[in-house]
Amino acid sequence: MTKDLTSGHPLKIIFNFALPVFFGYLFQQFYNLVDTIIVGQFLGVDALAAVGSTGSLNFMIIGFCMGVCSGFAIPVAQRFGGADYGTMRQFVYNSWILVGILSLVLTFFTVLFCRSMLLGLKTPENVIDMAYSYFVIILAGIPVIFFYNILSGIIRSVGDSKTPLYFLILSAILNIFLDLLFIAVFKWGIPGAALATVISQGVSGILCFFYMKSKFEILRLRPEDKKASWRRMKNLLGIGVPMGLQYSITAIGSVILQWSVNMLGSVAVASMVAAQKISIFFSTPFDALGTTMATYGGQNVGAKKIGRLNSGLFCGCGIGFAYSICAFVVLYFFSSYLTMLFLNSGESPETVSVIIENVHFSLCANGSTYVLLTLVNCVRFMIQGMGFSRIAIFAGLAELVGRAFIAIVFVPIWGFKGACLASPLAWVLADSFLIPAYFACRKKLVTMFGKGE
């Protein structure tokens, strides 16, 4: 069930590990994509804009949850790589305690201030009530998001990247069924889409829990493992919180960008929603490579095989570069067909034409710079897996600066097309920091442990 990433050719083991992770992320994005398509087809452009207007806030808050859980899994991967299973189980137990506390606190405050956040983001008046009815349910489901992500992170940290995929496939199918049931049959509107997402992810979390409990002997907690340890918690928080903040800091730039786009009207918001949903769907391989790099880096540092880091990073980036070219070609030629998935046939031809044009420009601007995104994900997550998660926060700050600069300076001048330049600039700034930071971190590890293999 477990898989050792500290031996074998890096290209083969990275590809084999990343492929199931990729499909897992693909199906996870499928949740949101299906929500958006069904909302757009059954409820119209305003409803589509309402869901989309929560996107950046959703990324900021839910991204923090996912980042924290990914960070908590790194000490588990390091101890697994070093065959220190007793300490590994202690980290698992203490991560459960922290996840419980964080999920309750975050849920309480985000639900309480949900409408205030949407008002502060200048959500268009004609969609704010719908946006609130969707987003408040997503926020109430934060414990479910923590539950699934910590479980899947721990399972992947011991080398099993396939099982979370299988459970996500099942829950994605369930999500489609519930979307259609709640929206098309029960007529619950936007709240039905949010409820379908929360229920589906909860099912995948429950499946992960029972699988981990029954199949992973080395993860079964002994009495001596069940001790709350401030030292372990401090270690977990020292890695997890910076990774969560990295997502959130990056998302603040997206929030500022969303604020500027919201002021352009619901058509611009709907265009941004469709473009982001398609772009996120095509970006899943980069997320998969990032997760793989974190596990690869964690296990090899735990095994003190520092010499394998460079070759692993090179292979991961090579896979990402090859995919980047293919993705751009598809986006360039098929963006209009993909956009129509989100639009109701009853919309006016003028509205449809503007949205298609906007989405095409956005996807081409982003797709042409996917090579930069490859470096962002591979290098940043490798640094985090190596144990230097605080350093990666600065890459998030660089992305924030890039997106905020575009939002404040260019969106008022160029409108929607100006907003499309935000991610490419953010990736350039992040890479300019991450690449030299990686070599500095690796040099420090070589000084501490030697090169190893």
Protein backbone atom coordinates (compact mmCIF):
# COMPACT_ATOMS: atom_id res chain seq x y z
CA MET A 1 0.00 0.00 0.00
CA THR A 2 2.85 2.38 0.84
CA LYS A 3 5.39 3.57 -1.73
CA ASP A 4 9.00 4.58 -1.24
CA LEU A 5 10.06 7.58 -3.38
CA THR A 6 13.68 7.48 -2.18
CA SER A 7 14.88 4.88 -4.69
CA GLY A 8 14.46 4.26 -8.39
CA HIS A 9 14.67 6.57 -11.39
CA PRO A 10 13.09 9.94 -10.46
CA LEU A 11 11.27 10.40 -13.79
CA LYS A 12 9.47 7.09 -13.54
CA ILE A 13 8.50 7.30 -9.89
CA ILE A 14 7.45 10.97 -10.14
CA PHE A 15 5.30 10.30 -13.19
CA ASN A 16 3.71 7.19 -11.68
CA PHE A 17 3.02 8.97 -8.40
CA ALA A 18 1.79 12.20 -10.00
CA LEU A 19 -0.62 10.54 -12.45
CA PRO A 20 -3.16 9.35 -9.84
CA VAL A 21 -2.75 12.66 -7.98
CA PHE A 22 -3.53 14.47 -11.22
CA PHE A 23 -6.72 12.50 -11.78
CA GLY A 24 -7.62 13.11 -8.13
CA TYR A 25 -7.27 16.86 -8.56
CA LEU A 26 -9.08 16.60 -11.89
CA PHE A 27 -12.09 15.04 -10.25
CA GLN A 28 -11.87 17.49 -7.35
CA GLN A 29 -12.08 20.34 -9.86
CA PHE A 30 -14.84 18.42 -11.57
CA TYR A 31 -16.98 19.18 -8.52
CA ASN A 32 -16.72 22.92 -9.11
CA LEU A 33 -16.87 22.63 -12.89
CA VAL A 34 -20.10 20.64 -12.82
CA ASP A 35 -21.56 23.09 -10.30
CA THR A 36 -20.74 25.96 -12.61
CA ILE A 37 -21.99 24.29 -15.80
CA ILE A 38 -25.29 23.25 -14.23
CA VAL A 39 -25.75 26.66 -12.58
CA GLY A 40 -25.04 28.44 -15.87
CA GLN A 41 -27.30 26.18 -17.93
CA PHE A 42 -30.24 25.99 -15.51
CA LEU A 43 -30.10 29.31 -13.64
CA GLY A 44 -28.51 31.80 -16.09
CA VAL A 45 -25.66 34.33 -16.26
CA ASP A 46 -26.54 36.17 -13.04
CA ALA A 47 -26.41 32.93 -11.07
CA LEU A 48 -23.12 32.06 -12.79
CA ALA A 49 -21.75 35.47 -11.79
CA ALA A 50 -22.98 34.93 -8.21
CA VAL A 51 -21.03 31.68 -7.86
CA GLY A 52 -18.00 33.22 -9.55
CA SER A 53 -18.02 36.33 -7.39
CA THR A 54 -17.13 34.11 -4.41
CA GLY A 55 -14.23 32.45 -6.22
CA SER A 56 -11.32 34.47 -4.86
CA LEU A 57 -12.64 34.42 -1.29
CA ASN A 58 -13.26 30.71 -1.67
CA PHE A 59 -9.66 30.23 -2.82
CA MET A 60 -8.33 32.32 0.06
CA ILE A 61 -10.20 30.46 2.80
CA ILE A 62 -10.42 26.93 1.39
CA GLY A 63 -6.87 27.25 0.06
CA PHE A 64 -5.70 27.95 3.61
CA CYS A 65 -7.39 24.73 4.78
CA MET A 66 -5.79 22.70 1.99
CA GLY A 67 -2.37 24.28 2.52
CA VAL A 68 -2.42 23.58 6.25
CA CYS A 69 -3.31 19.93 5.64
CA SER A 70 -0.57 19.58 3.01
CA GLY A 71 1.89 21.05 5.50
CA PHE A 72 0.79 18.70 8.27
CA ALA A 73 1.49 15.75 5.94
CA ILE A 74 5.13 16.75 5.34
CA PRO A 75 6.51 15.65 8.76
CA VAL A 76 4.61 12.39 8.23
CA ALA A 77 6.35 11.91 4.85
CA GLN A 78 9.74 12.78 6.34
CA ARG A 79 9.38 10.27 9.18
CA PHE A 80 8.10 7.65 6.76
CA GLY A 81 11.13 8.23 4.54
CA GLY A 82 13.39 7.85 7.59
CA ALA A 83 11.48 4.70 8.77
CA ASP A 84 10.68 6.40 12.11
CA TYR A 85 7.14 5.07 12.31
CA GLY A 86 6.53 5.78 16.00
CA THR A 87 7.19 9.49 15.61
CA MET A 88 5.21 9.44 12.36
CA ARG A 89 2.11 8.22 14.21
CA GLN A 90 2.57 10.88 16.89
CA PHE A 91 2.49 13.51 14.17
CA VAL A 92 -0.68 11.97 12.74
CA TYR A 93 -2.41 12.09 16.15
CA ASN A 94 -1.39 15.68 16.87
CA SER A 95 -2.43 16.76 13.38
CA TRP A 96 -5.94 15.46 14.17
CA ILE A 97 -6.10 17.66 17.26
CA LEU A 98 -5.00 20.75 15.36
CA VAL A 99 -7.35 20.11 12.44
CA GLY A 100 -10.28 19.83 14.86
CA ILE A 101 -9.46 23.15 16.52
CA LEU A 102 -8.71 25.02 13.30
CA SER A 103 -11.83 23.78 11.50
CA LEU A 104 -14.17 24.92 14.29
CA VAL A 105 -12.56 28.34 14.69
CA LEU A 106 -12.37 29.05 10.96
CA THR A 107 -15.93 27.89 10.33
CA PHE A 108 -17.34 30.10 13.08
CA PHE A 109 -15.67 33.32 11.98
CA THR A 110 -16.07 32.89 8.21
CA VAL A 111 -19.78 32.06 8.47
CA LEU A 112 -20.27 35.01 10.83
CA PHE A 113 -18.63 37.48 8.46
CA CYS A 114 -19.66 35.91 5.14
CA ARG A 115 -21.92 38.74 3.95
CA SER A 116 -19.48 41.40 5.15
CA MET A 117 -16.72 39.82 3.06
CA LEU A 118 -18.94 39.80 -0.03
CA LEU A 119 -19.93 43.44 0.52
CA GLY A 120 -16.29 44.42 0.98
CA LEU A 121 -15.49 42.71 -2.32
CA LYS A 122 -18.02 44.97 -4.12
CA THR A 123 -20.10 42.00 -5.24
CA PRO A 124 -22.68 43.33 -7.76
CA GLU A 125 -25.99 44.16 -6.07
CA ASN A 126 -28.02 42.02 -8.46
CA VAL A 127 -26.15 38.84 -7.46
CA ILE A 128 -25.04 39.36 -3.83
CA ASP A 129 -27.97 37.49 -2.25
CA MET A 130 -27.38 34.49 -4.48
CA ALA A 131 -23.64 34.67 -3.80
CA TYR A 132 -24.27 34.66 -0.05
CA SER A 133 -26.66 31.71 -0.20
CA TYR A 134 -23.98 29.71 -2.05
CA PHE A 135 -20.88 30.76 -0.14
CA VAL A 136 -22.25 30.45 3.40
CA ILE A 137 -22.97 26.75 2.81
CA ILE A 138 -19.46 26.19 1.43
CA LEU A 139 -18.03 27.88 4.54
CA ALA A 140 -20.21 25.81 6.86
CA GLY A 141 -18.60 22.77 5.22
CA ILE A 142 -15.04 23.76 6.19
CA PRO A 143 -14.75 20.86 8.71
CA VAL A 144 -15.54 18.47 5.85
CA ILE A 145 -12.83 20.08 3.70
CA PHE A 146 -10.29 19.74 6.52
CA PHE A 147 -11.40 16.15 7.14
CA TYR A 148 -10.87 15.01 3.55
CA ASN A 149 -7.65 16.92 2.91
CA ILE A 150 -5.81 15.80 6.06
CA LEU A 151 -6.74 12.16 5.38
CA SER A 152 -5.76 12.24 1.71
CA GLY A 153 -2.56 14.11 2.60
CA ILE A 154 -1.51 11.47 5.12
CA ILE A 155 -2.32 8.63 2.73
CA ARG A 156 -0.24 10.28 -0.02
CA SER A 157 2.62 10.99 2.41
CA VAL A 158 3.21 7.25 2.79
CA GLY A 159 3.27 6.82 -0.97
CA ASP A 160 -0.32 5.85 -1.85
CA SER A 161 -1.54 8.35 -4.42
CA LYS A 162 -4.11 6.05 -6.05
CA THR A 163 -6.66 5.44 -3.29
CA PRO A 164 -7.72 9.10 -2.82
CA LEU A 165 -8.34 9.14 -6.58
CA TYR A 166 -10.75 6.22 -6.43
CA PHE A 167 -12.76 7.85 -3.68
CA LEU A 168 -12.86 11.17 -5.53
CA ILE A 169 -14.19 9.44 -8.64
CA LEU A 170 -17.05 8.05 -6.62
CA SER A 171 -17.78 11.38 -4.96
CA ALA A 172 -17.55 13.24 -8.30
CA ILE A 173 -20.22 10.98 -9.72
CA LEU A 174 -22.28 11.58 -6.59
CA ASN A 175 -21.77 15.33 -7.00
CA ILE A 176 -23.18 15.27 -10.54
CA PHE A 177 -26.21 13.30 -9.39
CA LEU A 178 -26.86 15.60 -6.43
CA ASP A 179 -26.39 18.75 -8.55
CA LEU A 180 -29.04 17.61 -10.99
CA LEU A 181 -31.31 16.38 -8.20
CA PHE A 182 -31.08 19.54 -6.08
CA ILE A 183 -31.15 22.09 -8.93
CA ALA A 184 -33.13 20.50 -11.76
CA VAL A 185 -35.57 18.37 -9.74
CA PHE A 186 -35.91 19.93 -6.27
CA LYS A 187 -35.42 23.49 -7.62
CA TRP A 188 -33.16 24.48 -4.71
CA GLY A 189 -31.14 26.85 -6.93
CA ILE A 190 -27.62 27.93 -5.97
CA PRO A 191 -27.78 26.59 -2.38
CA GLY A 192 -28.39 23.15 -3.90
CA ALA A 193 -25.11 23.35 -5.84
CA ALA A 194 -23.18 24.26 -2.69
CA LEU A 195 -24.85 21.51 -0.66
CA ALA A 196 -24.03 18.93 -3.34
CA THR A 197 -20.35 19.90 -3.18
CA VAL A 198 -20.14 19.66 0.61
CA ILE A 199 -21.96 16.31 0.78
CA SER A 200 -19.82 14.80 -2.00
CA GLN A 201 -16.55 15.81 -0.39
CA GLY A 202 -17.78 14.53 2.95
CA VAL A 203 -18.39 11.12 1.40
CA SER A 204 -14.84 11.00 -0.01
CA GLY A 205 -13.46 11.93 3.43
CA ILE A 206 -15.41 9.16 5.16
CA LEU A 207 -14.16 6.63 2.61
CA CYS A 208 -10.56 7.78 3.14
CA PHE A 209 -10.95 7.44 6.91
CA PHE A 210 -12.18 3.85 6.88
CA TYR A 211 -9.64 2.85 4.24
CA MET A 212 -6.72 4.31 6.19
CA LYS A 213 -7.93 2.72 9.39
CA SER A 214 -8.25 -0.74 7.86
CA LYS A 215 -5.37 -0.92 5.38
CA PHE A 216 -2.40 0.97 6.86
CA GLU A 217 -0.97 -0.94 9.80
CA ILE A 218 1.85 1.57 10.32
CA LEU A 219 -0.73 4.37 10.68
CA ARG A 220 -2.81 2.63 13.34
CA LEU A 221 -2.34 4.59 16.53
CA ARG A 222 -0.95 2.80 19.59
CA PRO A 223 -1.75 3.99 23.14
CA GLU A 224 1.70 5.54 23.39
CA ASP A 225 1.03 7.55 20.20
CA LYS A 226 -2.10 9.23 21.57
CA LYS A 227 -0.41 12.01 23.46
CA ALA A 228 -0.94 15.70 22.83
CA SER A 229 2.54 17.13 22.38
CA TRP A 230 3.17 20.85 22.09
CA ARG A 231 6.55 20.06 20.51
CA ARG A 232 4.89 18.02 17.76
CA MET A 233 2.13 20.60 17.33
CA LYS A 234 4.67 23.39 17.08
CA ASN A 235 6.49 21.46 14.37
CA LEU A 236 3.24 20.84 12.49
CA LEU A 237 2.11 24.46 12.80
CA GLY A 238 5.56 25.67 11.75
CA ILE A 239 5.13 23.87 8.42
CA GLY A 240 1.35 23.85 7.97
CA VAL A 241 0.47 27.44 8.80
CA PRO A 242 3.07 28.96 6.42
CA MET A 243 1.77 26.68 3.65
CA GLY A 244 -1.79 27.73 4.43
CA LEU A 245 -0.80 31.38 4.54
CA GLN A 246 1.01 30.97 1.25
CA TYR A 247 -2.29 30.00 -0.37
CA SER A 248 -4.13 32.79 1.43
CA ILE A 249 -1.55 35.46 0.66
CA THR A 250 -1.59 34.43 -2.98
CA ALA A 251 -5.39 34.57 -2.86
CA ILE A 252 -5.41 38.10 -1.43
CA GLY A 253 -4.05 39.22 -4.77
CA SER A 254 -6.90 37.31 -6.41
CA VAL A 255 -9.38 38.98 -4.05
CA ILE A 256 -8.09 42.41 -5.07
CA LEU A 257 -8.33 41.37 -8.71
CA GLN A 258 -11.87 40.07 -8.15
CA TRP A 259 -12.79 43.38 -6.54
CA SER A 260 -11.62 45.26 -9.64
CA VAL A 261 -13.44 42.88 -12.02
CA ASN A 262 -16.66 43.03 -9.96
CA MET A 263 -16.83 46.74 -10.67
CA LEU A 264 -16.88 45.99 -14.41
CA GLY A 265 -20.33 44.38 -14.14
CA SER A 266 -21.89 40.92 -14.17
CA VAL A 267 -20.87 40.11 -17.77
CA ALA A 268 -17.21 40.66 -16.91
CA VAL A 269 -17.64 38.61 -13.75
CA ALA A 270 -19.28 35.79 -15.70
CA SER A 271 -16.43 35.92 -18.24
CA MET A 272 -13.88 35.67 -15.44
CA VAL A 273 -15.78 32.77 -13.88
CA ALA A 274 -15.83 30.75 -17.10
CA ALA A 275 -12.15 31.52 -17.83
CA GLN A 276 -11.06 30.61 -14.31
CA LYS A 277 -13.02 27.38 -14.25
CA ILE A 278 -11.51 26.25 -17.55
CA SER A 279 -8.03 27.43 -16.55
CA ILE A 280 -8.18 25.69 -13.18
CA PHE A 281 -9.28 22.50 -14.91
CA PHE A 282 -6.28 22.67 -17.26
CA SER A 283 -3.95 23.58 -14.37
CA THR A 284 -4.57 20.38 -12.40
CA PRO A 285 -1.37 18.70 -13.69
CA PHE A 286 0.66 21.51 -12.13
CA ASP A 287 -1.10 20.98 -8.80
CA ALA A 288 -0.41 17.25 -9.07
CA LEU A 289 3.26 17.88 -9.78
CA GLY A 290 3.42 20.22 -6.80
CA THR A 291 1.94 17.63 -4.44
CA THR A 292 4.32 15.02 -5.84
CA MET A 293 7.33 17.30 -5.34
CA ALA A 294 6.35 17.89 -1.70
CA THR A 295 6.10 14.16 -0.98
CA TYR A 296 9.25 13.38 -3.01
CA GLY A 297 11.21 16.12 -1.26
CA GLY A 298 9.91 15.14 2.18
CA GLN A 299 10.72 11.45 1.84
CA ASN A 300 14.20 12.02 0.37
CA VAL A 301 15.15 14.61 2.98
CA GLY A 302 13.89 12.21 5.66
CA ALA A 303 16.13 9.50 4.15
CA LYS A 304 19.01 12.05 3.87
CA LYS A 305 19.25 11.47 0.11
CA ILE A 306 19.83 15.12 -0.80
CA GLY A 307 21.49 14.20 -4.07
CA ARG A 308 18.15 13.06 -5.49
CA LEU A 309 16.48 16.46 -5.11
CA ASN A 310 17.95 18.10 -8.23
CA SER A 311 17.19 15.15 -10.51
CA GLY A 312 13.65 14.90 -9.15
CA LEU A 313 12.99 18.60 -9.66
CA PHE A 314 14.40 18.48 -13.19
CA CYS A 315 12.16 15.52 -14.11
CA GLY A 316 9.08 17.14 -12.58
CA CYS A 317 9.66 20.37 -14.49
CA GLY A 318 10.25 18.43 -17.72
CA ILE A 319 6.87 16.75 -17.40
CA GLY A 320 5.24 20.12 -16.72
CA PHE A 321 6.93 21.84 -19.68
CA ALA A 322 5.75 19.15 -22.10
CA TYR A 323 2.19 19.41 -20.83
CA SER A 324 2.26 23.24 -21.00
CA ILE A 325 2.73 23.17 -24.76
CA CYS A 326 -0.12 20.71 -25.29
CA ALA A 327 -2.47 22.64 -23.01
CA PHE A 328 -1.87 25.95 -24.80
CA VAL A 329 -2.65 24.43 -28.20
CA VAL A 330 -5.95 23.01 -26.93
CA LEU A 331 -6.96 26.26 -25.22
CA TYR A 332 -6.11 28.38 -28.25
CA PHE A 333 -8.22 26.37 -30.69
CA PHE A 334 -11.09 25.19 -28.50
CA SER A 335 -11.73 27.97 -25.97
CA SER A 336 -15.00 29.06 -27.60
CA TYR A 337 -16.46 25.54 -27.43
CA LEU A 338 -15.42 25.20 -23.79
CA THR A 339 -16.97 28.57 -22.96
CA MET A 340 -20.34 27.56 -24.37
CA LEU A 341 -20.58 24.85 -21.70
CA PHE A 342 -21.25 27.61 -19.17
CA LEU A 343 -23.80 29.64 -21.13
CA ASN A 344 -27.54 29.28 -21.38
CA SER A 345 -28.86 29.19 -24.94
CA GLY A 346 -31.37 31.86 -23.96
CA GLU A 347 -28.71 34.54 -23.41
CA SER A 348 -28.54 37.39 -25.92
CA PRO A 349 -26.10 36.93 -28.84
CA GLU A 350 -24.26 40.14 -27.83
CA THR A 351 -23.65 38.86 -24.30
CA VAL A 352 -22.49 35.47 -25.56
CA SER A 353 -20.12 37.08 -28.07
CA VAL A 354 -18.50 39.33 -25.44
CA ILE A 355 -18.05 36.48 -22.98
CA ILE A 356 -16.51 34.18 -25.62
CA GLU A 357 -14.05 36.89 -26.68
CA ASN A 358 -13.10 37.66 -23.07
CA VAL A 359 -12.58 34.02 -22.16
CA HIS A 360 -10.45 33.34 -25.25
CA PHE A 361 -8.12 36.24 -24.44
CA SER A 362 -7.84 35.17 -20.80
CA LEU A 363 -7.09 31.53 -21.57
CA CYS A 364 -4.48 32.41 -24.20
CA ALA A 365 -2.76 34.89 -21.87
CA ASN A 366 -2.54 32.27 -19.13
CA GLY A 367 -1.92 29.21 -21.30
CA SER A 368 1.01 30.80 -23.09
CA THR A 369 2.80 31.19 -19.73
CA TYR A 370 2.09 27.77 -18.21
CA VAL A 371 5.84 27.07 -18.29
CA LEU A 372 6.17 29.72 -15.58
CA LEU A 373 3.39 28.05 -13.57
CA THR A 374 5.26 24.73 -13.84
CA LEU A 375 8.25 26.29 -12.10
CA VAL A 376 6.10 27.95 -9.45
CA ASN A 377 4.48 24.69 -8.40
CA CYS A 378 7.41 22.32 -8.74
CA VAL A 379 10.00 24.54 -7.06
CA ARG A 380 7.74 25.91 -4.33
CA PHE A 381 6.42 22.52 -3.24
CA MET A 382 9.88 20.97 -3.39
CA ILE A 383 11.10 23.69 -1.02
CA GLN A 384 8.19 22.96 1.31
CA GLY A 385 8.83 19.22 1.20
CA MET A 386 12.45 19.92 2.10
CA GLY A 387 11.20 21.58 5.30
CA PHE A 388 11.53 25.28 4.41
CA SER A 389 7.85 26.19 4.15
CA ARG A 390 8.33 29.65 5.67
CA ILE A 391 10.52 30.67 2.76
CA ALA A 392 7.79 29.81 0.25
CA ILE A 393 5.55 32.48 1.82
CA PHE A 394 7.64 35.11 0.05
CA ALA A 395 6.66 33.59 -3.29
CA GLY A 396 3.04 34.07 -2.26
CA LEU A 397 3.81 37.69 -1.44
CA ALA A 398 5.36 38.13 -4.88
CA GLU A 399 2.19 36.76 -6.51
CA LEU A 400 0.08 39.09 -4.37
CA VAL A 401 2.09 42.10 -5.52
CA GLY A 402 1.76 41.08 -9.17
CA ARG A 403 -2.01 40.59 -9.08
CA ALA A 404 -2.64 43.69 -6.97
CA PHE A 405 -0.52 45.84 -9.32
CA ILE A 406 -2.53 44.67 -12.33
CA ALA A 407 -5.85 45.15 -10.50
CA ILE A 408 -5.05 48.67 -9.37
CA VAL A 409 -3.17 49.98 -12.40
CA PHE A 410 -4.26 48.13 -15.54
CA VAL A 411 -7.86 46.99 -14.97
CA PRO A 412 -9.12 50.61 -14.73
CA ILE A 413 -7.32 51.36 -18.01
CA TRP A 414 -7.79 48.18 -20.07
CA GLY A 415 -10.80 46.64 -18.35
CA PHE A 416 -11.20 42.86 -18.52
CA LYS A 417 -8.18 42.31 -20.76
CA GLY A 418 -5.99 44.06 -18.21
CA ALA A 419 -7.13 41.57 -15.56
CA CYS A 420 -5.97 38.70 -17.77
CA LEU A 421 -2.32 39.77 -17.31
CA ALA A 422 -2.41 39.28 -13.55
CA SER A 423 -1.43 35.61 -13.32
CA PRO A 424 1.46 35.76 -15.84
CA LEU A 425 3.02 38.69 -13.95
CA ALA A 426 2.45 36.93 -10.61
CA TRP A 427 4.22 33.80 -11.86
CA VAL A 428 7.20 35.78 -13.18
CA LEU A 429 7.69 37.47 -9.81
CA ALA A 430 7.27 34.21 -7.86
CA ASP A 431 9.79 32.35 -10.05
CA SER A 432 12.35 35.13 -9.68
CA PHE A 433 12.33 34.41 -5.95
CA LEU A 434 11.79 30.63 -5.84
CA ILE A 435 14.56 29.45 -8.15
CA PRO A 436 17.48 31.02 -6.22
CA ALA A 437 15.73 30.12 -2.93
CA TYR A 438 15.67 26.43 -3.87
CA PHE A 439 19.41 26.28 -4.48
CA ALA A 440 20.07 28.11 -1.20
CA CYS A 441 17.89 25.61 0.71
CA ARG A 442 19.50 22.63 -0.96
CA LYS A 443 22.95 23.97 -0.15
CA LYS A 444 21.95 24.19 3.51
CA LEU A 445 20.78 20.57 3.50
CA VAL A 446 24.00 19.40 1.84
CA THR A 447 25.95 21.16 4.59
CA MET A 448 23.82 19.40 7.24
CA PHE A 449 23.56 15.87 5.77
CA GLY A 450 25.93 15.61 2.78
CA LYS A 451 24.71 14.81 -0.72
CA GLY A 452 23.64 11.22 -0.10
CA GLU A 453 22.67 9.53 -3.31
